[in-house]
Amino acid sequence: MVWFLLSLLSAVILYVEAVRKGMPIKRWVFAGLMCGPGAWYLFNVHHRRAWLRSQVTTYCIWKA
């Protein structure tokens, strides 16, 4: 019962954060329901990686 309540709370929190950070909402609400609080760590890693991918890398230029 406690895990079910934690999962619902996690889904609500991830919904709010996904809306706030512009991430896919359905995916993170479902992850919150299935994984509970553990999905929060996955969300933060995914957001960080997406942010790093969006940055322009001008400091390293590969030459052949």
Protein backbone atom coordinates (compact mmCIF):
# COMPACT_ATOMS: atom_id res chain seq x y z
CA MET A 1 0.00 0.00 0.00
CA VAL A 2 2.82 2.38 0.87
CA TRP A 3 4.61 1.65 -2.41
CA PHE A 4 1.40 2.43 -4.32
CA LEU A 5 1.08 5.81 -2.59
CA LEU A 6 4.75 6.58 -3.23
CA SER A 7 4.28 5.71 -6.89
CA LEU A 8 1.30 8.01 -7.20
CA LEU A 9 3.15 10.83 -5.49
CA SER A 10 6.16 10.27 -7.75
CA ALA A 11 3.96 10.37 -10.84
CA VAL A 12 2.49 13.71 -9.77
CA ILE A 13 5.89 15.19 -9.00
CA LEU A 14 7.34 13.96 -12.28
CA TYR A 15 4.33 15.39 -14.14
CA VAL A 16 5.00 18.83 -12.67
CA GLU A 17 8.73 18.63 -13.38
CA ALA A 18 8.22 17.35 -16.93
CA VAL A 19 5.89 20.25 -17.69
CA ARG A 20 8.31 22.70 -16.10
CA LYS A 21 11.38 21.40 -17.94
CA GLY A 22 9.72 20.66 -21.29
CA MET A 23 10.19 16.90 -21.20
CA PRO A 24 7.73 14.27 -22.56
CA ILE A 25 4.92 14.12 -20.00
CA LYS A 26 3.33 10.71 -20.58
CA ARG A 27 6.66 8.89 -20.50
CA TRP A 28 7.67 10.34 -17.14
CA VAL A 29 4.28 9.93 -15.50
CA PHE A 30 4.30 6.26 -16.54
CA ALA A 31 7.87 5.86 -15.26
CA GLY A 32 6.82 7.44 -11.96
CA LEU A 33 3.95 4.97 -11.64
CA MET A 34 6.10 1.96 -12.46
CA CYS A 35 9.39 2.80 -10.73
CA GLY A 36 8.20 5.03 -7.92
CA PRO A 37 10.79 7.41 -6.46
CA GLY A 38 13.58 5.75 -8.45
CA ALA A 39 12.28 7.42 -11.60
CA TRP A 40 13.33 10.80 -10.19
CA TYR A 41 17.01 9.87 -10.67
CA LEU A 42 16.33 8.66 -14.20
CA PHE A 43 14.52 11.92 -14.96
CA ASN A 44 17.42 14.03 -13.74
CA VAL A 45 19.96 12.03 -15.75
CA HIS A 46 17.82 12.24 -18.88
CA HIS A 47 17.32 15.98 -18.48
CA ARG A 48 21.05 16.56 -17.95
CA ARG A 49 21.98 14.48 -21.01
CA ALA A 50 19.40 16.28 -23.17
CA TRP A 51 20.76 19.63 -21.99
CA LEU A 52 24.36 18.62 -22.73
CA ARG A 53 23.34 17.37 -26.20
CA SER A 54 21.73 20.72 -26.95
CA GLN A 55 24.87 22.71 -26.11
CA VAL A 56 27.13 23.71 -28.98
CA THR A 57 30.57 22.18 -28.73
CA THR A 58 32.99 24.75 -30.11
CA TYR A 59 35.90 23.84 -27.89
CA CYS A 60 36.87 20.61 -29.63
CA ILE A 61 37.23 20.41 -33.37
CA TRP A 62 38.11 17.04 -34.88
CA LYS A 63 40.34 17.24 -37.93
CA ALA A 64 41.14 14.34 -40.21
